[in-house]
Amino acid sequence: MSNPYLPVLILMVAALAFALGPLALAWIWAKKFSPKKPGPAKNATYECGLESKGDAWVQFKAEYYLYGIIFLIFDVETIFLLPFAVAFTGLSAGAFVAMMIFLLLLVEGLVWAWKKGVLNWE
């Protein structure tokens, strides 16, 4: 009598091997074939061929990130309106109600962002 979880176990082992196999092969390849020439030039931080100046930590305003995230959310969400617009005449009343709920949530998110001041660029 076979265990019903055996296929799941086999798939888990295969997934783990599929994920870790290339990493292990890359590590073995690097150990065997990579040249070992440590030095200050090789260990230096390389960025666009220029020497690093100052501290790498630069403080950004959180408003930039919020503005970008709001843009991405509304940009991606409006893509979902395209299939609805294309198939508008062939949809049922339930699909229309679902799309109106979706639009209501989009407008609610826009009003929330507007009231929070996320859309004000300072």
PDB file of N, CA and C in Angstrom:
ATOM      1  N   MET A   1       0.841  -1.176   0.000  1.00  0.00           N
ATOM      2  CA  MET A   1       0.000   0.000   0.000  1.00  0.00           C
ATOM      3  C   MET A   1       0.894   1.250   0.000  1.00  0.00           C
ATOM      4  N   SER A   2       0.667   2.148  -0.931  1.00  0.00           N
ATOM      5  CA  SER A   2       1.490   3.331  -1.118  1.00  0.00           C
ATOM      6  C   SER A   2       0.961   4.487  -0.271  1.00  0.00           C
ATOM      7  N   ASN A   3       1.886   5.320   0.154  1.00  0.00           N
ATOM      8  CA  ASN A   3       1.525   6.505   0.928  1.00  0.00           C
ATOM      9  C   ASN A   3       0.964   7.564  -0.034  1.00  0.00           C
ATOM     10  N   PRO A   4      -0.190   8.160   0.265  1.00  0.00           N
ATOM     11  CA  PRO A   4      -0.757   9.155  -0.656  1.00  0.00           C
ATOM     12  C   PRO A   4       0.056  10.453  -0.730  1.00  0.00           C
ATOM     13  N   TYR A   5       0.930  10.693   0.230  1.00  0.00           N
ATOM     14  CA  TYR A   5       1.736  11.905   0.225  1.00  0.00           C
ATOM     15  C   TYR A   5       3.084  11.700  -0.465  1.00  0.00           C
ATOM     16  N   LEU A   6       3.344  10.527  -0.973  1.00  0.00           N
ATOM     17  CA  LEU A   6       4.615  10.254  -1.646  1.00  0.00           C
ATOM     18  C   LEU A   6       4.818  11.155  -2.873  1.00  0.00           C
ATOM     19  N   PRO A   7       3.821  11.356  -3.749  1.00  0.00           N
ATOM     20  CA  PRO A   7       4.043  12.275  -4.882  1.00  0.00           C
ATOM     21  C   PRO A   7       4.338  13.712  -4.439  1.00  0.00           C
ATOM     22  N   VAL A   8       3.716  14.133  -3.360  1.00  0.00           N
ATOM     23  CA  VAL A   8       3.978  15.485  -2.855  1.00  0.00           C
ATOM     24  C   VAL A   8       5.412  15.585  -2.355  1.00  0.00           C
ATOM     25  N   LEU A   9       5.869  14.569  -1.650  1.00  0.00           N
ATOM     26  CA  LEU A   9       7.244  14.542  -1.149  1.00  0.00           C
ATOM     27  C   LEU A   9       8.241  14.529  -2.307  1.00  0.00           C
ATOM     28  N   ILE A  10       7.951  13.751  -3.329  1.00  0.00           N
ATOM     29  CA  ILE A  10       8.844  13.687  -4.494  1.00  0.00           C
ATOM     30  C   ILE A  10       8.899  15.052  -5.185  1.00  0.00           C
ATOM     31  N   LEU A  11       7.757  15.714  -5.333  1.00  0.00           N
ATOM     32  CA  LEU A  11       7.736  17.026  -5.959  1.00  0.00           C
ATOM     33  C   LEU A  11       8.463  18.066  -5.108  1.00  0.00           C
ATOM     34  N   MET A  12       8.356  17.981  -3.790  1.00  0.00           N
ATOM     35  CA  MET A  12       9.068  18.911  -2.918  1.00  0.00           C
ATOM     36  C   MET A  12      10.575  18.726  -3.035  1.00  0.00           C
ATOM     37  N   VAL A  13      11.018  17.465  -3.070  1.00  0.00           N
ATOM     38  CA  VAL A  13      12.451  17.188  -3.221  1.00  0.00           C
ATOM     39  C   VAL A  13      12.927  17.672  -4.587  1.00  0.00           C
ATOM     40  N   ALA A  14      12.142  17.439  -5.638  1.00  0.00           N
ATOM     41  CA  ALA A  14      12.513  17.896  -6.977  1.00  0.00           C
ATOM     42  C   ALA A  14      12.576  19.419  -7.029  1.00  0.00           C
ATOM     43  N   ALA A  15      11.636  20.105  -6.387  1.00  0.00           N
ATOM     44  CA  ALA A  15      11.646  21.565  -6.375  1.00  0.00           C
ATOM     45  C   ALA A  15      12.859  22.098  -5.627  1.00  0.00           C
ATOM     46  N   LEU A  16      13.199  21.464  -4.524  1.00  0.00           N
ATOM     47  CA  LEU A  16      14.371  21.877  -3.762  1.00  0.00           C
ATOM     48  C   LEU A  16      15.647  21.649  -4.569  1.00  0.00           C
ATOM     49  N   ALA A  17      15.739  20.501  -5.258  1.00  0.00           N
ATOM     50  CA  ALA A  17      16.902  20.216  -6.097  1.00  0.00           C
ATOM     51  C   ALA A  17      16.970  21.179  -7.274  1.00  0.00           C
ATOM     52  N   PHE A  18      15.817  21.519  -7.839  1.00  0.00           N
ATOM     53  CA  PHE A  18      15.774  22.445  -8.962  1.00  0.00           C
ATOM     54  C   PHE A  18      16.225  23.836  -8.535  1.00  0.00           C
ATOM     55  N   ALA A  19      15.923  24.220  -7.307  1.00  0.00           N
ATOM     56  CA  ALA A  19      16.306  25.539  -6.818  1.00  0.00           C
ATOM     57  C   ALA A  19      17.763  25.576  -6.358  1.00  0.00           C
ATOM     58  N   LEU A  20      18.210  24.550  -5.657  1.00  0.00           N
ATOM     59  CA  LEU A  20      19.555  24.558  -5.080  1.00  0.00           C
ATOM     60  C   LEU A  20      20.615  23.994  -6.014  1.00  0.00           C
ATOM     61  N   GLY A  21      20.224  23.205  -6.994  1.00  0.00           N
ATOM     62  CA  GLY A  21      21.175  22.597  -7.924  1.00  0.00           C
ATOM     63  C   GLY A  21      22.011  23.621  -8.675  1.00  0.00           C
ATOM     64  N   PRO A  22      21.405  24.610  -9.339  1.00  0.00           N
ATOM     65  CA  PRO A  22      22.224  25.615 -10.033  1.00  0.00           C
ATOM     66  C   PRO A  22      23.118  26.417  -9.093  1.00  0.00           C
ATOM     67  N   LEU A  23      22.645  26.678  -7.892  1.00  0.00           N
ATOM     68  CA  LEU A  23      23.490  27.394  -6.937  1.00  0.00           C
ATOM     69  C   LEU A  23      24.714  26.568  -6.558  1.00  0.00           C
ATOM     70  N   ALA A  24      24.506  25.295  -6.317  1.00  0.00           N
ATOM     71  CA  ALA A  24      25.628  24.419  -5.971  1.00  0.00           C
ATOM     72  C   ALA A  24      26.598  24.289  -7.142  1.00  0.00           C
ATOM     73  N   LEU A  25      26.084  24.162  -8.363  1.00  0.00           N
ATOM     74  CA  LEU A  25      26.958  24.074  -9.533  1.00  0.00           C
ATOM     75  C   LEU A  25      27.746  25.360  -9.736  1.00  0.00           C
ATOM     76  N   ALA A  26      27.127  26.514  -9.525  1.00  0.00           N
ATOM     77  CA  ALA A  26      27.834  27.789  -9.658  1.00  0.00           C
ATOM     78  C   ALA A  26      28.916  27.924  -8.605  1.00  0.00           C
ATOM     79  N   TRP A  27      28.645  27.467  -7.385  1.00  0.00           N
ATOM     80  CA  TRP A  27      29.646  27.536  -6.322  1.00  0.00           C
ATOM     81  C   TRP A  27      30.830  26.636  -6.639  1.00  0.00           C
ATOM     82  N   ILE A  28      30.562  25.409  -7.112  1.00  0.00           N
ATOM     83  CA  ILE A  28      31.638  24.483  -7.477  1.00  0.00           C
ATOM     84  C   ILE A  28      32.445  25.050  -8.640  1.00  0.00           C
ATOM     85  N   TRP A  29      31.765  25.597  -9.642  1.00  0.00           N
ATOM     86  CA  TRP A  29      32.453  26.187 -10.790  1.00  0.00           C
ATOM     87  C   TRP A  29      33.354  27.344 -10.349  1.00  0.00           C
ATOM     88  N   ALA A  30      32.850  28.195  -9.451  1.00  0.00           N
ATOM     89  CA  ALA A  30      33.636  29.333  -8.982  1.00  0.00           C
ATOM     90  C   ALA A  30      34.852  28.871  -8.192  1.00  0.00           C
ATOM     91  N   LYS A  31      34.705  27.843  -7.377  1.00  0.00           N
ATOM     92  CA  LYS A  31      35.837  27.341  -6.586  1.00  0.00           C
ATOM     93  C   LYS A  31      36.898  26.706  -7.475  1.00  0.00           C
ATOM     94  N   LYS A  32      36.481  26.046  -8.555  1.00  0.00           N
ATOM     95  CA  LYS A  32      37.417  25.313  -9.394  1.00  0.00           C
ATOM     96  C   LYS A  32      38.075  26.197 -10.451  1.00  0.00           C
ATOM     97  N   PHE A  33      37.328  27.094 -11.088  1.00  0.00           N
ATOM     98  CA  PHE A  33      37.835  27.806 -12.251  1.00  0.00           C
ATOM     99  C   PHE A  33      38.100  29.295 -12.048  1.00  0.00           C
ATOM    100  N   SER A  34      37.627  29.901 -10.983  1.00  0.00           N
ATOM    101  CA  SER A  34      37.837  31.341 -10.791  1.00  0.00           C
ATOM    102  C   SER A  34      39.273  31.625 -10.405  1.00  0.00           C
ATOM    103  N   PRO A  35      39.868  32.665 -10.999  1.00  0.00           N
ATOM    104  CA  PRO A  35      41.235  33.015 -10.621  1.00  0.00           C
ATOM    105  C   PRO A  35      41.262  33.635  -9.227  1.00  0.00           C
ATOM    106  N   LYS A  36      42.294  33.287  -8.499  1.00  0.00           N
ATOM    107  CA  LYS A  36      42.424  33.792  -7.136  1.00  0.00           C
ATOM    108  C   LYS A  36      43.504  34.873  -7.135  1.00  0.00           C
ATOM    109  N   LYS A  37      43.080  36.102  -7.347  1.00  0.00           N
ATOM    110  CA  LYS A  37      44.008  37.233  -7.352  1.00  0.00           C
ATOM    111  C   LYS A  37      43.451  38.346  -6.476  1.00  0.00           C
ATOM    112  N   PRO A  38      43.382  38.151  -5.167  1.00  0.00           N
ATOM    113  CA  PRO A  38      42.854  39.226  -4.331  1.00  0.00           C
ATOM    114  C   PRO A  38      43.828  40.398  -4.285  1.00  0.00           C
ATOM    115  N   GLY A  39      43.261  41.551  -4.126  1.00  0.00           N
ATOM    116  CA  GLY A  39      44.076  42.757  -4.031  1.00  0.00           C
ATOM    117  C   GLY A  39      43.177  43.959  -3.849  1.00  0.00           C
ATOM    118  N   PRO A  40      43.760  45.115  -3.628  1.00  0.00           N
ATOM    119  CA  PRO A  40      42.935  46.302  -3.403  1.00  0.00           C
ATOM    120  C   PRO A  40      42.111  46.692  -4.630  1.00  0.00           C
ATOM    121  N   ALA A  41      42.653  46.479  -5.826  1.00  0.00           N
ATOM    122  CA  ALA A  41      41.900  46.850  -7.027  1.00  0.00           C
ATOM    123  C   ALA A  41      40.721  45.909  -7.238  1.00  0.00           C
ATOM    124  N   LYS A  42      40.903  44.614  -6.958  1.00  0.00           N
ATOM    125  CA  LYS A  42      39.818  43.654  -7.159  1.00  0.00           C
ATOM    126  C   LYS A  42      38.747  43.782  -6.077  1.00  0.00           C
ATOM    127  N   ASN A  43      39.145  44.104  -4.874  1.00  0.00           N
ATOM    128  CA  ASN A  43      38.190  44.204  -3.771  1.00  0.00           C
ATOM    129  C   ASN A  43      37.531  45.577  -3.670  1.00  0.00           C
ATOM    130  N   ALA A  44      37.925  46.524  -4.502  1.00  0.00           N
ATOM    131  CA  ALA A  44      37.351  47.864  -4.445  1.00  0.00           C
ATOM    132  C   ALA A  44      35.924  47.851  -4.992  1.00  0.00           C
ATOM    133  N   THR A  45      35.112  48.752  -4.473  1.00  0.00           N
ATOM    134  CA  THR A  45      33.747  48.894  -4.949  1.00  0.00           C
ATOM    135  C   THR A  45      33.785  49.548  -6.314  1.00  0.00           C
ATOM    136  N   TYR A  46      33.123  48.932  -7.299  1.00  0.00           N
ATOM    137  CA  TYR A  46      33.117  49.451  -8.660  1.00  0.00           C
ATOM    138  C   TYR A  46      31.739  50.001  -8.976  1.00  0.00           C
ATOM    139  N   GLU A  47      31.718  51.237  -9.431  1.00  0.00           N
ATOM    140  CA  GLU A  47      30.446  51.850  -9.804  1.00  0.00           C
ATOM    141  C   GLU A  47      30.707  52.796 -10.966  1.00  0.00           C
ATOM    142  N   CYS A  48      30.326  52.384 -12.150  1.00  0.00           N
ATOM    143  CA  CYS A  48      30.425  53.208 -13.362  1.00  0.00           C
ATOM    144  C   CYS A  48      31.863  53.613 -13.675  1.00  0.00           C
ATOM    145  N   GLY A  49      32.837  52.901 -13.186  1.00  0.00           N
ATOM    146  CA  GLY A  49      34.218  53.213 -13.488  1.00  0.00           C
ATOM    147  C   GLY A  49      34.775  54.402 -12.726  1.00  0.00           C
ATOM    148  N   LEU A  50      34.023  54.946 -11.814  1.00  0.00           N
ATOM    149  CA  LEU A  50      34.468  56.110 -11.065  1.00  0.00           C
ATOM    150  C   LEU A  50      34.775  55.723  -9.627  1.00  0.00           C
ATOM    151  N   GLU A  51      35.680  56.446  -9.047  1.00  0.00           N
ATOM    152  CA  GLU A  51      35.987  56.231  -7.642  1.00  0.00           C
ATOM    153  C   GLU A  51      34.815  56.682  -6.790  1.00  0.00           C
ATOM    154  N   SER A  52      34.546  55.948  -5.741  1.00  0.00           N
ATOM    155  CA  SER A  52      33.462  56.312  -4.833  1.00  0.00           C
ATOM    156  C   SER A  52      33.844  57.542  -4.029  1.00  0.00           C
ATOM    157  N   LYS A  53      32.855  58.418  -3.859  1.00  0.00           N
ATOM    158  CA  LYS A  53      33.087  59.629  -3.071  1.00  0.00           C
ATOM    159  C   LYS A  53      32.011  59.732  -2.005  1.00  0.00           C
ATOM    160  N   GLY A  54      32.403  59.956  -0.806  1.00  0.00           N
ATOM    161  CA  GLY A  54      31.447  60.188   0.268  1.00  0.00           C
ATOM    162  C   GLY A  54      30.721  58.924   0.702  1.00  0.00           C
ATOM    163  N   ASP A  55      29.645  59.156   1.442  1.00  0.00           N
ATOM    164  CA  ASP A  55      28.865  58.068   2.008  1.00  0.00           C
ATOM    165  C   ASP A  55      27.856  57.564   0.981  1.00  0.00           C
ATOM    166  N   ALA A  56      27.642  56.259   0.962  1.00  0.00           N
ATOM    167  CA  ALA A  56      26.691  55.671   0.020  1.00  0.00           C
ATOM    168  C   ALA A  56      25.251  55.841   0.491  1.00  0.00           C
ATOM    169  N   TRP A  57      25.063  56.134   1.750  1.00  0.00           N
ATOM    170  CA  TRP A  57      23.706  56.289   2.293  1.00  0.00           C
ATOM    171  C   TRP A  57      23.216  57.708   2.030  1.00  0.00           C
ATOM    172  N   VAL A  58      22.216  57.816   1.172  1.00  0.00           N
ATOM    173  CA  VAL A  58      21.623  59.111   0.847  1.00  0.00           C
ATOM    174  C   VAL A  58      20.176  59.065   1.313  1.00  0.00           C
ATOM    175  N   GLN A  59      19.773  60.085   2.032  1.00  0.00           N
ATOM    176  CA  GLN A  59      18.415  60.098   2.563  1.00  0.00           C
ATOM    177  C   GLN A  59      17.445  60.646   1.522  1.00  0.00           C
ATOM    178  N   PHE A  60      16.383  59.859   1.253  1.00  0.00           N
ATOM    179  CA  PHE A  60      15.342  60.273   0.323  1.00  0.00           C
ATOM    180  C   PHE A  60      14.072  60.560   1.108  1.00  0.00           C
ATOM    181  N   LYS A  61      13.249  61.411   0.552  1.00  0.00           N
ATOM    182  CA  LYS A  61      11.969  61.682   1.189  1.00  0.00           C
ATOM    183  C   LYS A  61      11.011  60.528   0.916  1.00  0.00           C
ATOM    184  N   ALA A  62      10.211  60.187   1.895  1.00  0.00           N
ATOM    185  CA  ALA A  62       9.247  59.103   1.745  1.00  0.00           C
ATOM    186  C   ALA A  62       8.146  59.466   0.762  1.00  0.00           C
ATOM    187  N   GLU A  63       7.928  60.761   0.542  1.00  0.00           N
ATOM    188  CA  GLU A  63       6.879  61.183  -0.386  1.00  0.00           C
ATOM    189  C   GLU A  63       7.150  60.698  -1.799  1.00  0.00           C
ATOM    190  N   TYR A  64       8.414  60.599  -2.188  1.00  0.00           N
ATOM    191  CA  TYR A  64       8.748  60.108  -3.525  1.00  0.00           C
ATOM    192  C   TYR A  64       8.278  58.671  -3.692  1.00  0.00           C
ATOM    193  N   TYR A  65       8.521  57.859  -2.672  1.00  0.00           N
ATOM    194  CA  TYR A  65       8.113  56.460  -2.739  1.00  0.00           C
ATOM    195  C   TYR A  65       6.593  56.325  -2.730  1.00  0.00           C
ATOM    196  N   LEU A  66       5.936  57.093  -1.886  1.00  0.00           N
ATOM    197  CA  LEU A  66       4.471  57.040  -1.829  1.00  0.00           C
ATOM    198  C   LEU A  66       3.853  57.445  -3.160  1.00  0.00           C
ATOM    199  N   TYR A  67       4.392  58.507  -3.746  1.00  0.00           N
ATOM    200  CA  TYR A  67       3.876  58.965  -5.030  1.00  0.00           C
ATOM    201  C   TYR A  67       4.069  57.890  -6.097  1.00  0.00           C
ATOM    202  N   GLY A  68       5.237  57.253  -6.100  1.00  0.00           N
ATOM    203  CA  GLY A  68       5.511  56.191  -7.060  1.00  0.00           C
ATOM    204  C   GLY A  68       4.622  54.977  -6.854  1.00  0.00           C
ATOM    205  N   ILE A  69       4.398  54.602  -5.614  1.00  0.00           N
ATOM    206  CA  ILE A  69       3.551  53.439  -5.327  1.00  0.00           C
ATOM    207  C   ILE A  69       2.106  53.721  -5.716  1.00  0.00           C
ATOM    208  N   ILE A  70       1.621  54.901  -5.420  1.00  0.00           N
ATOM    209  CA  ILE A  70       0.255  55.256  -5.821  1.00  0.00           C
ATOM    210  C   ILE A  70       0.131  55.225  -7.334  1.00  0.00           C
ATOM    211  N   PHE A  71       1.141  55.751  -8.038  1.00  0.00           N
ATOM    212  CA  PHE A  71       1.104  55.711  -9.499  1.00  0.00           C
ATOM    213  C   PHE A  71       1.052  54.274 -10.000  1.00  0.00           C
ATOM    214  N   LEU A  72       1.905  53.407  -9.451  1.00  0.00           N
ATOM    215  CA  LEU A  72       1.911  52.013  -9.900  1.00  0.00           C
ATOM    216  C   LEU A  72       0.588  51.316  -9.616  1.00  0.00           C
ATOM    217  N   ILE A  73       0.027  51.565  -8.453  1.00  0.00           N
ATOM    218  CA  ILE A  73      -1.241  50.919  -8.111  1.00  0.00           C
ATOM    219  C   ILE A  73      -2.318  51.316  -9.101  1.00  0.00           C
ATOM    220  N   PHE A  74      -2.458  52.602  -9.358  1.00  0.00           N
ATOM    221  CA  PHE A  74      -3.524  53.034 -10.259  1.00  0.00           C
ATOM    222  C   PHE A  74      -3.212  52.695 -11.705  1.00  0.00           C
ATOM    223  N   ASP A  75      -1.943  52.641 -12.071  1.00  0.00           N
ATOM    224  CA  ASP A  75      -1.568  52.260 -13.423  1.00  0.00           C
ATOM    225  C   ASP A  75      -1.910  50.798 -13.684  1.00  0.00           C
ATOM    226  N   VAL A  76      -1.568  49.929 -12.756  1.00  0.00           N
ATOM    227  CA  VAL A  76      -1.842  48.499 -12.923  1.00  0.00           C
ATOM    228  C   VAL A  76      -3.333  48.216 -12.812  1.00  0.00           C
ATOM    229  N   GLU A  77      -3.996  48.870 -11.900  1.00  0.00           N
ATOM    230  CA  GLU A  77      -5.421  48.615 -11.715  1.00  0.00           C
ATOM    231  C   GLU A  77      -6.250  49.076 -12.901  1.00  0.00           C
ATOM    232  N   THR A  78      -5.844  50.148 -13.547  1.00  0.00           N
ATOM    233  CA  THR A  78      -6.610  50.594 -14.708  1.00  0.00           C
ATOM    234  C   THR A  78      -6.449  49.655 -15.891  1.00  0.00           C
ATOM    235  N   ILE A  79      -5.405  48.847 -15.910  1.00  0.00           N
ATOM    236  CA  ILE A  79      -5.253  47.835 -16.963  1.00  0.00           C
ATOM    237  C   ILE A  79      -6.391  46.823 -16.869  1.00  0.00           C
ATOM    238  N   PHE A  80      -6.886  46.574 -15.674  1.00  0.00           N
ATOM    239  CA  PHE A  80      -7.994  45.630 -15.511  1.00  0.00           C
ATOM    240  C   PHE A  80      -9.299  46.162 -16.108  1.00  0.00           C
ATOM    241  N   LEU A  81      -9.348  47.433 -16.402  1.00  0.00           N
ATOM    242  CA  LEU A  81     -10.548  47.991 -17.019  1.00  0.00           C
ATOM    243  C   LEU A  81     -10.630  47.669 -18.514  1.00  0.00           C
ATOM    244  N   LEU A  82      -9.511  47.384 -19.152  1.00  0.00           N
ATOM    245  CA  LEU A  82      -9.506  47.129 -20.584  1.00  0.00           C
ATOM    246  C   LEU A  82     -10.336  45.904 -20.973  1.00  0.00           C
ATOM    247  N   PRO A  83     -10.166  44.739 -20.337  1.00  0.00           N
ATOM    248  CA  PRO A  83     -11.013  43.600 -20.724  1.00  0.00           C
ATOM    249  C   PRO A  83     -12.503  43.880 -20.501  1.00  0.00           C
ATOM    250  N   PHE A  84     -12.818  44.616 -19.469  1.00  0.00           N
ATOM    251  CA  PHE A  84     -14.211  44.968 -19.217  1.00  0.00           C
ATOM    252  C   PHE A  84     -14.752  45.849 -20.344  1.00  0.00           C
ATOM    253  N   ALA A  85     -13.962  46.813 -20.785  1.00  0.00           N
ATOM    254  CA  ALA A  85     -14.412  47.706 -21.845  1.00  0.00           C
ATOM    255  C   ALA A  85     -14.549  46.963 -23.177  1.00  0.00           C
ATOM    256  N   VAL A  86     -13.663  46.003 -23.437  1.00  0.00           N
ATOM    257  CA  VAL A  86     -13.711  45.266 -24.692  1.00  0.00           C
ATOM    258  C   VAL A  86     -14.934  44.361 -24.742  1.00  0.00           C
ATOM    259  N   ALA A  87     -15.249  43.693 -23.629  1.00  0.00           N
ATOM    260  CA  ALA A  87     -16.356  42.729 -23.602  1.00  0.00           C
ATOM    261  C   ALA A  87     -17.600  43.297 -22.939  1.00  0.00           C
ATOM    262  N   PHE A  88     -17.771  44.608 -22.971  1.00  0.00           N
ATOM    263  CA  PHE A  88     -18.861  45.242 -22.227  1.00  0.00           C
ATOM    264  C   PHE A  88     -20.237  44.734 -22.663  1.00  0.00           C
ATOM    265  N   THR A  89     -20.477  44.593 -23.961  1.00  0.00           N
ATOM    266  CA  THR A  89     -21.811  44.211 -24.436  1.00  0.00           C
ATOM    267  C   THR A  89     -22.138  42.751 -24.165  1.00  0.00           C
ATOM    268  N   GLY A  90     -21.138  41.906 -23.981  1.00  0.00           N
ATOM    269  CA  GLY A  90     -21.402  40.488 -23.761  1.00  0.00           C
ATOM    270  C   GLY A  90     -21.397  40.067 -22.305  1.00  0.00           C
ATOM    271  N   LEU A  91     -21.278  41.000 -21.385  1.00  0.00           N
ATOM    272  CA  LEU A  91     -21.186  40.641 -19.970  1.00  0.00           C
ATOM    273  C   LEU A  91     -22.561  40.636 -19.315  1.00  0.00           C
ATOM    274  N   SER A  92     -22.639  39.866 -18.266  1.00  0.00           N
ATOM    275  CA  SER A  92     -23.903  39.778 -17.522  1.00  0.00           C
ATOM    276  C   SER A  92     -24.009  40.942 -16.534  1.00  0.00           C
ATOM    277  N   ALA A  93     -25.136  41.014 -15.878  1.00  0.00           N
ATOM    278  CA  ALA A  93     -25.359  42.076 -14.889  1.00  0.00           C
ATOM    279  C   ALA A  93     -24.441  41.885 -13.683  1.00  0.00           C
ATOM    280  N   GLY A  94     -24.145  40.633 -13.334  1.00  0.00           N
ATOM    281  CA  GLY A  94     -23.232  40.365 -12.217  1.00  0.00           C
ATOM    282  C   GLY A  94     -21.829  40.877 -12.496  1.00  0.00           C
ATOM    283  N   ALA A  95     -21.379  40.723 -13.744  1.00  0.00           N
ATOM    284  CA  ALA A  95     -20.057  41.240 -14.114  1.00  0.00           C
ATOM    285  C   ALA A  95     -20.047  42.763 -14.062  1.00  0.00           C
ATOM    286  N   PHE A  96     -21.147  43.376 -14.466  1.00  0.00           N
ATOM    287  CA  PHE A  96     -21.246  44.835 -14.398  1.00  0.00           C
ATOM    288  C   PHE A  96     -21.185  45.316 -12.952  1.00  0.00           C
ATOM    289  N   VAL A  97     -21.899  44.635 -12.065  1.00  0.00           N
ATOM    290  CA  VAL A  97     -21.886  45.007 -10.642  1.00  0.00           C
ATOM    291  C   VAL A  97     -20.482  44.814 -10.069  1.00  0.00           C
ATOM    292  N   ALA A  98     -19.815  43.709 -10.437  1.00  0.00           N
ATOM    293  CA  ALA A  98     -18.456  43.467  -9.949  1.00  0.00           C
ATOM    294  C   ALA A  98     -17.506  44.564 -10.414  1.00  0.00           C
ATOM    295  N   MET A  99     -17.644  44.999 -11.656  1.00  0.00           N
ATOM    296  CA  MET A  99     -16.773  46.058 -12.164  1.00  0.00           C
ATOM    297  C   MET A  99     -17.084  47.389 -11.502  1.00  0.00           C
ATOM    298  N   MET A 100     -18.347  47.643 -11.197  1.00  0.00           N
ATOM    299  CA  MET A 100     -18.689  48.879 -10.506  1.00  0.00           C
ATOM    300  C   MET A 100     -18.121  48.881  -9.080  1.00  0.00           C
ATOM    301  N   ILE A 101     -18.119  47.729  -8.435  1.00  0.00           N
ATOM    302  CA  ILE A 101     -17.497  47.631  -7.101  1.00  0.00           C
ATOM    303  C   ILE A 101     -15.997  47.881  -7.216  1.00  0.00           C
ATOM    304  N   PHE A 102     -15.384  47.307  -8.250  1.00  0.00           N
ATOM    305  CA  PHE A 102     -13.956  47.524  -8.490  1.00  0.00           C
ATOM    306  C   PHE A 102     -13.666  49.011  -8.708  1.00  0.00           C
ATOM    307  N   LEU A 103     -14.465  49.671  -9.520  1.00  0.00           N
ATOM    308  CA  LEU A 103     -14.286  51.103  -9.755  1.00  0.00           C
ATOM    309  C   LEU A 103     -14.520  51.921  -8.486  1.00  0.00           C
ATOM    310  N   LEU A 104     -15.504  51.512  -7.684  1.00  0.00           N
ATOM    311  CA  LEU A 104     -15.760  52.193  -6.419  1.00  0.00           C
ATOM    312  C   LEU A 104     -14.539  52.099  -5.501  1.00  0.00           C
ATOM    313  N   LEU A 105     -13.920  50.922  -5.436  1.00  0.00           N
ATOM    314  CA  LEU A 105     -12.720  50.767  -4.613  1.00  0.00           C
ATOM    315  C   LEU A 105     -11.557  51.597  -5.159  1.00  0.00           C
ATOM    316  N   LEU A 106     -11.443  51.678  -6.481  1.00  0.00           N
ATOM    317  CA  LEU A 106     -10.393  52.510  -7.072  1.00  0.00           C
ATOM    318  C   LEU A 106     -10.602  53.979  -6.729  1.00  0.00           C
ATOM    319  N   VAL A 107     -11.832  54.432  -6.859  1.00  0.00           N
ATOM    320  CA  VAL A 107     -12.132  55.836  -6.546  1.00  0.00           C
ATOM    321  C   VAL A 107     -11.937  56.090  -5.053  1.00  0.00           C
ATOM    322  N   GLU A 108     -12.318  55.135  -4.230  1.00  0.00           N
ATOM    323  CA  GLU A 108     -12.121  55.284  -2.787  1.00  0.00           C
ATOM    324  C   GLU A 108     -10.635  55.403  -2.453  1.00  0.00           C
ATOM    325  N   GLY A 109      -9.797  54.592  -3.107  1.00  0.00           N
ATOM    326  CA  GLY A 109      -8.352  54.692  -2.895  1.00  0.00           C
ATOM    327  C   GLY A 109      -7.797  56.026  -3.358  1.00  0.00           C
ATOM    328  N   LEU A 110      -8.308  56.535  -4.474  1.00  0.00           N
ATOM    329  CA  LEU A 110      -7.864  57.830  -4.969  1.00  0.00           C
ATOM    330  C   LEU A 110      -8.262  58.950  -4.016  1.00  0.00           C
ATOM    331  N   VAL A 111      -9.486  58.905  -3.503  1.00  0.00           N
ATOM    332  CA  VAL A 111      -9.935  59.916  -2.549  1.00  0.00           C
ATOM    333  C   VAL A 111      -9.110  59.839  -1.266  1.00  0.00           C
ATOM    334  N   TRP A 112      -8.822  58.628  -0.813  1.00  0.00           N
ATOM    335  CA  TRP A 112      -7.999  58.467   0.395  1.00  0.00           C
ATOM    336  C   TRP A 112      -6.621  59.069   0.188  1.00  0.00           C
ATOM    337  N   ALA A 113      -5.987  58.766  -0.966  1.00  0.00           N
ATOM    338  CA  ALA A 113      -4.657  59.312  -1.241  1.00  0.00           C
ATOM    339  C   ALA A 113      -4.702  60.829  -1.358  1.00  0.00           C
ATOM    340  N   TRP A 114      -5.764  61.344  -1.933  1.00  0.00           N
ATOM    341  CA  TRP A 114      -5.909  62.788  -2.088  1.00  0.00           C
ATOM    342  C   TRP A 114      -6.043  63.466  -0.724  1.00  0.00           C
ATOM    343  N   LYS A 115      -6.886  62.883   0.156  1.00  0.00           N
ATOM    344  CA  LYS A 115      -7.083  63.480   1.484  1.00  0.00           C
ATOM    345  C   LYS A 115      -5.850  63.362   2.354  1.00  0.00           C
ATOM    346  N   LYS A 116      -5.052  62.286   2.168  1.00  0.00           N
ATOM    347  CA  LYS A 116      -3.824  62.131   2.944  1.00  0.00           C
ATOM    348  C   LYS A 116      -2.728  63.062   2.469  1.00  0.00           C
ATOM    349  N   GLY A 117      -2.907  63.633   1.268  1.00  0.00           N
ATOM    350  CA  GLY A 117      -1.904  64.550   0.735  1.00  0.00           C
ATOM    351  C   GLY A 117      -0.786  63.846  -0.008  1.00  0.00           C
ATOM    352  N   VAL A 118      -0.996  62.598  -0.369  1.00  0.00           N
ATOM    353  CA  VAL A 118       0.037  61.842  -1.071  1.00  0.00           C
ATOM    354  C   VAL A 118       0.255  62.412  -2.468  1.00  0.00           C
ATOM    355  N   LEU A 119      -0.774  62.966  -3.072  1.00  0.00           N
ATOM    356  CA  LEU A 119      -0.672  63.465  -4.439  1.00  0.00           C
ATOM    357  C   LEU A 119      -0.130  64.877  -4.517  1.00  0.00           C
ATOM    358  N   ASN A 120       0.095  65.513  -3.391  1.00  0.00           N
ATOM    359  CA  ASN A 120       0.675  66.863  -3.378  1.00  0.00           C
ATOM    360  C   ASN A 120       2.179  66.760  -3.489  1.00  0.00           C
ATOM    361  N   TRP A 121       2.725  67.329  -4.533  1.00  0.00           N
ATOM    362  CA  TRP A 121       4.165  67.284  -4.751  1.00  0.00           C
ATOM    363  C   TRP A 121       4.799  68.525  -4.140  1.00  0.00           C
ATOM    364  N   GLU A 122       5.683  68.323  -3.190  1.00  0.00           N
ATOM    365  CA  GLU A 122       6.319  69.465  -2.499  1.00  0.00           C
ATOM    366  C   GLU A 122       7.788  69.496  -2.753  1.00  0.00           C
TER     367      GLU A 122
END
